[in-house]
Amino acid sequence: MADQPDEIGSGLLIDFPPVASPAQPSSSRFVPAISFDRKELQTILNLYGRKVADGEWRDYALDFLRDRALFSIYKRASERPLYVVEKNPKLRNKQGQYMVLSQDGRVLKRGHELINVLRVLELAVVK
């Protein structure tokens, strides 16, 4: 009987913070992260799969932030990605929401259509 507590009710009071009702606006609202939709991710992964089959790329990482989504492409498991495909919806009406960055941070291509932006990676030759 050592598994059972000695007292039925311990009398311990736990004070939980009040729960905000749905009618009250909360100051810490949940802000969804930006992400790639299914079609965008399929386009990126098709290119990624071809480059992996050719032996040029070996790893990737996805980051979904509040203001942008990142698909990082690695040659090896190193500290810096070889390329980063970025989606930033705030730039949709300006220079385009899609952009490809190189390892040193230069913008290789920017535009409104993901497939056109990814063409720069199809032509890229990795040393």
N, C-alpha and C. Protein backbone atom coordinates (compact mmCIF):
# COMPACT_ATOMS: atom_id res chain seq x y z
N MET A 1 0.81 -1.19 0.00
CA MET A 1 0.00 0.00 0.00
C MET A 1 0.86 1.26 0.00
N ALA A 2 2.13 1.13 -0.31
CA ALA A 2 3.03 2.28 -0.30
C ALA A 2 2.78 3.18 -1.50
N ASP A 3 2.08 2.65 -2.53
CA ASP A 3 1.83 3.44 -3.72
C ASP A 3 0.74 4.48 -3.52
N GLN A 4 -0.14 4.26 -2.56
CA GLN A 4 -1.24 5.17 -2.34
C GLN A 4 -0.84 6.26 -1.35
N PRO A 5 -1.30 7.50 -1.58
CA PRO A 5 -0.98 8.57 -0.63
C PRO A 5 -1.69 8.34 0.69
N ASP A 6 -1.11 8.90 1.76
CA ASP A 6 -1.68 8.73 3.09
C ASP A 6 -2.99 9.50 3.23
N GLU A 7 -3.05 10.67 2.60
CA GLU A 7 -4.25 11.50 2.73
C GLU A 7 -5.02 11.47 1.42
N ILE A 8 -6.31 11.51 1.51
CA ILE A 8 -7.15 11.56 0.32
C ILE A 8 -7.05 12.95 -0.31
N GLY A 9 -7.19 13.99 0.44
CA GLY A 9 -7.08 15.36 -0.04
C GLY A 9 -5.93 16.04 0.68
N SER A 10 -4.97 16.52 -0.03
CA SER A 10 -3.79 17.10 0.63
C SER A 10 -4.04 18.52 1.08
N GLY A 11 -5.06 19.16 0.56
CA GLY A 11 -5.34 20.52 0.96
C GLY A 11 -4.45 21.53 0.26
N LEU A 12 -3.69 21.11 -0.75
CA LEU A 12 -2.80 21.98 -1.48
C LEU A 12 -3.61 22.77 -2.50
N LEU A 13 -3.49 24.07 -2.47
CA LEU A 13 -4.22 24.94 -3.37
C LEU A 13 -3.29 25.43 -4.47
N ILE A 14 -3.67 25.20 -5.71
CA ILE A 14 -2.88 25.66 -6.85
C ILE A 14 -3.62 26.81 -7.48
N ASP A 15 -2.95 27.94 -7.60
CA ASP A 15 -3.56 29.14 -8.16
C ASP A 15 -3.20 29.24 -9.64
N PHE A 16 -4.17 29.00 -10.51
CA PHE A 16 -3.96 29.11 -11.94
C PHE A 16 -4.32 30.51 -12.41
N PRO A 17 -3.59 31.05 -13.41
CA PRO A 17 -3.94 32.38 -13.93
C PRO A 17 -5.29 32.32 -14.63
N PRO A 18 -6.03 33.43 -14.62
CA PRO A 18 -7.35 33.43 -15.27
C PRO A 18 -7.21 33.23 -16.78
N VAL A 19 -8.15 32.52 -17.33
CA VAL A 19 -8.18 32.24 -18.76
C VAL A 19 -8.97 33.34 -19.45
N ALA A 20 -8.41 33.90 -20.52
CA ALA A 20 -9.10 34.96 -21.25
C ALA A 20 -10.26 34.35 -22.02
N SER A 21 -11.39 34.97 -21.93
CA SER A 21 -12.56 34.47 -22.65
C SER A 21 -12.45 34.87 -24.12
N PRO A 22 -13.10 34.14 -25.03
CA PRO A 22 -13.03 34.48 -26.45
C PRO A 22 -13.59 35.87 -26.77
N ALA A 23 -14.47 36.38 -25.91
CA ALA A 23 -15.05 37.70 -26.16
C ALA A 23 -14.05 38.82 -25.88
N GLN A 24 -13.09 38.55 -24.99
CA GLN A 24 -12.10 39.57 -24.64
C GLN A 24 -10.89 39.44 -25.56
N PRO A 25 -10.46 40.55 -26.16
CA PRO A 25 -9.25 40.48 -26.99
C PRO A 25 -8.03 40.27 -26.10
N SER A 26 -7.18 39.39 -26.51
CA SER A 26 -5.97 39.08 -25.76
C SER A 26 -4.80 39.90 -26.28
N SER A 27 -3.96 40.37 -25.38
CA SER A 27 -2.81 41.16 -25.81
C SER A 27 -1.75 40.29 -26.45
N SER A 28 -1.70 39.01 -26.10
CA SER A 28 -0.72 38.11 -26.69
C SER A 28 -1.42 37.16 -27.67
N ARG A 29 -1.88 37.74 -28.76
CA ARG A 29 -2.57 36.94 -29.77
C ARG A 29 -1.60 36.03 -30.49
N PHE A 30 -2.08 34.88 -30.92
CA PHE A 30 -1.28 33.95 -31.71
C PHE A 30 -1.13 34.51 -33.11
N VAL A 31 0.11 34.70 -33.54
CA VAL A 31 0.40 35.19 -34.88
C VAL A 31 0.94 34.01 -35.67
N PRO A 32 0.21 33.57 -36.69
CA PRO A 32 0.70 32.40 -37.45
C PRO A 32 1.97 32.74 -38.23
N ALA A 33 2.82 31.75 -38.36
CA ALA A 33 4.06 31.91 -39.10
C ALA A 33 3.78 31.81 -40.59
N ILE A 34 4.62 32.45 -41.39
CA ILE A 34 4.54 32.36 -42.84
C ILE A 34 5.07 31.00 -43.24
N SER A 35 4.43 30.37 -44.21
CA SER A 35 4.90 29.05 -44.66
C SER A 35 4.71 28.92 -46.17
N PHE A 36 5.35 27.91 -46.72
CA PHE A 36 5.16 27.58 -48.12
C PHE A 36 3.89 26.75 -48.24
N ASP A 37 3.08 27.01 -49.26
CA ASP A 37 1.92 26.15 -49.46
C ASP A 37 2.35 24.87 -50.18
N ARG A 38 1.43 23.97 -50.38
CA ARG A 38 1.75 22.65 -50.93
C ARG A 38 2.37 22.75 -52.32
N LYS A 39 1.82 23.62 -53.17
CA LYS A 39 2.33 23.75 -54.54
C LYS A 39 3.75 24.32 -54.55
N GLU A 40 3.99 25.34 -53.72
CA GLU A 40 5.32 25.93 -53.64
C GLU A 40 6.34 24.92 -53.13
N LEU A 41 5.97 24.19 -52.10
CA LEU A 41 6.88 23.20 -51.53
C LEU A 41 7.15 22.07 -52.52
N GLN A 42 6.15 21.68 -53.29
CA GLN A 42 6.34 20.64 -54.29
C GLN A 42 7.31 21.11 -55.37
N THR A 43 7.20 22.37 -55.79
CA THR A 43 8.10 22.92 -56.79
C THR A 43 9.54 22.94 -56.29
N ILE A 44 9.72 23.37 -55.06
CA ILE A 44 11.06 23.44 -54.47
C ILE A 44 11.63 22.03 -54.30
N LEU A 45 10.83 21.10 -53.79
CA LEU A 45 11.32 19.76 -53.54
C LEU A 45 11.59 18.98 -54.83
N ASN A 46 10.89 19.30 -55.91
CA ASN A 46 11.20 18.67 -57.20
C ASN A 46 12.60 19.06 -57.66
N LEU A 47 12.91 20.35 -57.57
CA LEU A 47 14.26 20.82 -57.92
C LEU A 47 15.29 20.21 -56.97
N TYR A 48 14.98 20.20 -55.69
CA TYR A 48 15.89 19.65 -54.69
C TYR A 48 16.18 18.17 -54.97
N GLY A 49 15.16 17.41 -55.30
CA GLY A 49 15.32 15.99 -55.60
C GLY A 49 16.23 15.75 -56.80
N ARG A 50 16.08 16.58 -57.83
CA ARG A 50 16.94 16.43 -59.02
C ARG A 50 18.39 16.73 -58.67
N LYS A 51 18.62 17.76 -57.87
CA LYS A 51 19.99 18.13 -57.49
C LYS A 51 20.61 17.10 -56.54
N VAL A 52 19.82 16.48 -55.69
CA VAL A 52 20.33 15.42 -54.82
C VAL A 52 20.70 14.21 -55.67
N ALA A 53 19.88 13.88 -56.65
CA ALA A 53 20.18 12.75 -57.54
C ALA A 53 21.47 13.00 -58.33
N ASP A 54 21.74 14.25 -58.67
CA ASP A 54 22.98 14.60 -59.38
C ASP A 54 24.19 14.66 -58.43
N GLY A 55 23.94 14.61 -57.13
CA GLY A 55 25.03 14.64 -56.14
C GLY A 55 25.49 16.04 -55.78
N GLU A 56 24.73 17.07 -56.16
CA GLU A 56 25.15 18.45 -55.87
C GLU A 56 24.72 18.90 -54.48
N TRP A 57 23.53 18.52 -54.04
CA TRP A 57 23.02 18.93 -52.73
C TRP A 57 22.80 17.70 -51.87
N ARG A 58 22.86 17.91 -50.54
CA ARG A 58 22.72 16.76 -49.65
C ARG A 58 21.74 16.96 -48.50
N ASP A 59 21.44 18.18 -48.15
CA ASP A 59 20.58 18.40 -46.98
C ASP A 59 19.80 19.69 -47.15
N TYR A 60 18.71 19.81 -46.40
CA TYR A 60 17.92 21.05 -46.42
C TYR A 60 17.34 21.31 -45.04
N ALA A 61 16.88 22.53 -44.86
CA ALA A 61 16.22 22.92 -43.61
C ALA A 61 15.08 23.87 -43.94
N LEU A 62 14.00 23.76 -43.20
CA LEU A 62 12.85 24.65 -43.34
C LEU A 62 12.74 25.50 -42.09
N ASP A 63 12.55 26.80 -42.27
CA ASP A 63 12.33 27.72 -41.16
C ASP A 63 11.09 28.54 -41.47
N PHE A 64 10.14 28.54 -40.54
CA PHE A 64 8.92 29.31 -40.70
C PHE A 64 8.90 30.40 -39.63
N LEU A 65 9.14 31.62 -40.05
CA LEU A 65 9.21 32.76 -39.13
C LEU A 65 7.93 33.57 -39.24
N ARG A 66 7.82 34.60 -38.41
CA ARG A 66 6.63 35.44 -38.43
C ARG A 66 6.47 36.21 -39.73
N ASP A 67 7.57 36.65 -40.30
CA ASP A 67 7.50 37.52 -41.47
C ASP A 67 7.95 36.86 -42.76
N ARG A 68 8.54 35.66 -42.70
CA ARG A 68 9.04 35.00 -43.91
C ARG A 68 9.24 33.51 -43.67
N ALA A 69 9.31 32.77 -44.77
CA ALA A 69 9.59 31.34 -44.73
C ALA A 69 10.89 31.10 -45.50
N LEU A 70 11.72 30.19 -44.99
CA LEU A 70 13.02 29.93 -45.60
C LEU A 70 13.19 28.45 -45.88
N PHE A 71 13.72 28.15 -47.06
CA PHE A 71 14.12 26.79 -47.43
C PHE A 71 15.62 26.87 -47.69
N SER A 72 16.42 26.35 -46.77
CA SER A 72 17.87 26.42 -46.87
C SER A 72 18.41 25.13 -47.47
N ILE A 73 19.35 25.26 -48.40
CA ILE A 73 19.92 24.13 -49.12
C ILE A 73 21.40 24.02 -48.76
N TYR A 74 21.83 22.80 -48.40
CA TYR A 74 23.20 22.57 -47.96
C TYR A 74 23.91 21.59 -48.88
N LYS A 75 25.18 21.83 -49.12
CA LYS A 75 26.03 20.89 -49.83
C LYS A 75 26.51 19.81 -48.86
N ARG A 76 26.94 20.23 -47.69
CA ARG A 76 27.32 19.33 -46.61
C ARG A 76 26.67 19.86 -45.33
N ALA A 77 26.80 19.11 -44.29
CA ALA A 77 26.27 19.58 -43.01
C ALA A 77 27.23 20.63 -42.48
N SER A 78 27.12 21.84 -42.97
CA SER A 78 28.02 22.92 -42.56
C SER A 78 27.23 23.99 -41.83
N GLU A 79 27.91 25.03 -41.46
CA GLU A 79 27.26 26.09 -40.70
C GLU A 79 26.37 26.98 -41.57
N ARG A 80 26.75 27.19 -42.81
CA ARG A 80 26.02 28.10 -43.68
C ARG A 80 25.40 27.35 -44.85
N PRO A 81 24.17 27.71 -45.21
CA PRO A 81 23.55 27.06 -46.37
C PRO A 81 24.17 27.55 -47.67
N LEU A 82 24.15 26.68 -48.67
CA LEU A 82 24.65 27.01 -49.99
C LEU A 82 23.73 28.04 -50.65
N TYR A 83 22.42 27.78 -50.58
CA TYR A 83 21.39 28.70 -51.10
C TYR A 83 20.23 28.75 -50.12
N VAL A 84 19.51 29.86 -50.15
CA VAL A 84 18.30 30.00 -49.35
C VAL A 84 17.19 30.53 -50.26
N VAL A 85 16.08 29.79 -50.30
CA VAL A 85 14.89 30.24 -51.02
C VAL A 85 13.99 30.88 -49.97
N GLU A 86 13.67 32.15 -50.17
CA GLU A 86 12.91 32.89 -49.17
C GLU A 86 11.58 33.35 -49.74
N LYS A 87 10.55 33.25 -48.91
CA LYS A 87 9.22 33.77 -49.26
C LYS A 87 8.89 34.85 -48.24
N ASN A 88 8.70 36.07 -48.72
CA ASN A 88 8.38 37.21 -47.86
C ASN A 88 7.15 37.90 -48.42
N PRO A 89 5.95 37.59 -47.91
CA PRO A 89 4.72 38.15 -48.48
C PRO A 89 4.61 39.67 -48.39
N LYS A 90 5.39 40.31 -47.51
CA LYS A 90 5.34 41.78 -47.44
C LYS A 90 5.85 42.43 -48.72
N LEU A 91 6.69 41.70 -49.48
CA LEU A 91 7.25 42.24 -50.72
C LEU A 91 6.44 41.83 -51.95
N ARG A 92 5.27 41.25 -51.74
CA ARG A 92 4.45 40.75 -52.85
C ARG A 92 4.13 41.82 -53.88
N ASN A 93 3.79 43.00 -53.45
CA ASN A 93 3.41 44.06 -54.38
C ASN A 93 4.58 44.91 -54.85
N LYS A 94 5.74 44.68 -54.33
CA LYS A 94 6.92 45.46 -54.71
C LYS A 94 7.76 44.67 -55.69
N GLN A 95 8.87 44.09 -55.24
CA GLN A 95 9.76 43.38 -56.16
C GLN A 95 9.48 41.89 -56.24
N GLY A 96 8.49 41.39 -55.53
CA GLY A 96 8.14 39.97 -55.56
C GLY A 96 8.43 39.31 -54.24
N GLN A 97 7.61 38.34 -53.89
CA GLN A 97 7.74 37.72 -52.58
C GLN A 97 8.77 36.60 -52.52
N TYR A 98 9.27 36.14 -53.66
CA TYR A 98 10.25 35.05 -53.68
C TYR A 98 11.64 35.58 -53.99
N MET A 99 12.64 34.98 -53.33
CA MET A 99 14.01 35.40 -53.57
C MET A 99 14.94 34.23 -53.28
N VAL A 100 16.05 34.16 -54.04
CA VAL A 100 17.09 33.16 -53.82
C VAL A 100 18.35 33.90 -53.41
N LEU A 101 18.90 33.50 -52.27
CA LEU A 101 20.12 34.11 -51.74
C LEU A 101 21.26 33.11 -51.86
N SER A 102 22.46 33.61 -52.13
CA SER A 102 23.63 32.75 -52.19
C SER A 102 24.24 32.62 -50.79
N GLN A 103 25.32 31.86 -50.70
CA GLN A 103 25.96 31.61 -49.42
C GLN A 103 26.51 32.88 -48.78
N ASP A 104 26.96 33.81 -49.60
CA ASP A 104 27.51 35.05 -49.06
C ASP A 104 26.46 36.13 -48.86
N GLY A 105 25.18 35.82 -49.06
CA GLY A 105 24.11 36.77 -48.79
C GLY A 105 23.65 37.59 -49.97
N ARG A 106 24.25 37.37 -51.14
CA ARG A 106 23.83 38.12 -52.33
C ARG A 106 22.49 37.59 -52.83
N VAL A 107 21.66 38.48 -53.34
CA VAL A 107 20.39 38.09 -53.95
C VAL A 107 20.68 37.67 -55.39
N LEU A 108 20.45 36.38 -55.67
CA LEU A 108 20.69 35.87 -57.02
C LEU A 108 19.52 36.15 -57.95
N LYS A 109 18.31 36.03 -57.43
CA LYS A 109 17.12 36.26 -58.25
C LYS A 109 15.97 36.60 -57.32
N ARG A 110 15.10 37.48 -57.80
CA ARG A 110 13.93 37.90 -57.04
C ARG A 110 12.77 38.01 -58.00
N GLY A 111 11.57 37.66 -57.57
CA GLY A 111 10.45 37.79 -58.47
C GLY A 111 9.11 37.40 -57.86
N HIS A 112 8.08 37.48 -58.71
CA HIS A 112 6.71 37.19 -58.28
C HIS A 112 6.35 35.72 -58.46
N GLU A 113 7.00 35.02 -59.37
CA GLU A 113 6.71 33.61 -59.66
C GLU A 113 7.84 32.73 -59.15
N LEU A 114 7.52 31.74 -58.33
CA LEU A 114 8.54 30.88 -57.73
C LEU A 114 9.30 30.09 -58.78
N ILE A 115 8.61 29.58 -59.77
CA ILE A 115 9.28 28.75 -60.79
C ILE A 115 10.32 29.55 -61.57
N ASN A 116 10.05 30.83 -61.83
CA ASN A 116 11.02 31.68 -62.52
C ASN A 116 12.22 31.99 -61.64
N VAL A 117 11.99 32.16 -60.36
CA VAL A 117 13.07 32.47 -59.43
C VAL A 117 13.98 31.26 -59.25
N LEU A 118 13.40 30.06 -59.26
CA LEU A 118 14.19 28.84 -59.04
C LEU A 118 15.04 28.47 -60.26
N ARG A 119 14.79 29.07 -61.39
CA ARG A 119 15.60 28.77 -62.58
C ARG A 119 17.07 29.10 -62.37
N VAL A 120 17.36 30.08 -61.54
CA VAL A 120 18.74 30.45 -61.28
C VAL A 120 19.48 29.28 -60.59
N LEU A 121 18.76 28.46 -59.82
CA LEU A 121 19.38 27.32 -59.17
C LEU A 121 19.56 26.14 -60.11
N GLU A 122 18.71 26.02 -61.11
CA GLU A 122 18.86 24.94 -62.09
C GLU A 122 20.11 25.13 -62.92
N LEU A 123 20.46 26.38 -63.16
CA LEU A 123 21.63 26.69 -63.97
C LEU A 123 22.91 26.82 -63.16
N ALA A 124 22.78 26.88 -61.83
CA ALA A 124 23.95 27.08 -60.97
C ALA A 124 24.85 25.86 -60.99
N VAL A 125 26.13 26.09 -61.08
CA VAL A 125 27.12 25.03 -61.03
C VAL A 125 27.85 25.14 -59.70
N VAL A 126 27.77 24.09 -58.91
CA VAL A 126 28.39 24.10 -57.59
C VAL A 126 29.81 23.58 -57.71
N LYS A 127 30.77 24.32 -57.14
CA LYS A 127 32.17 23.91 -57.19
C LYS A 127 32.48 22.90 -56.14
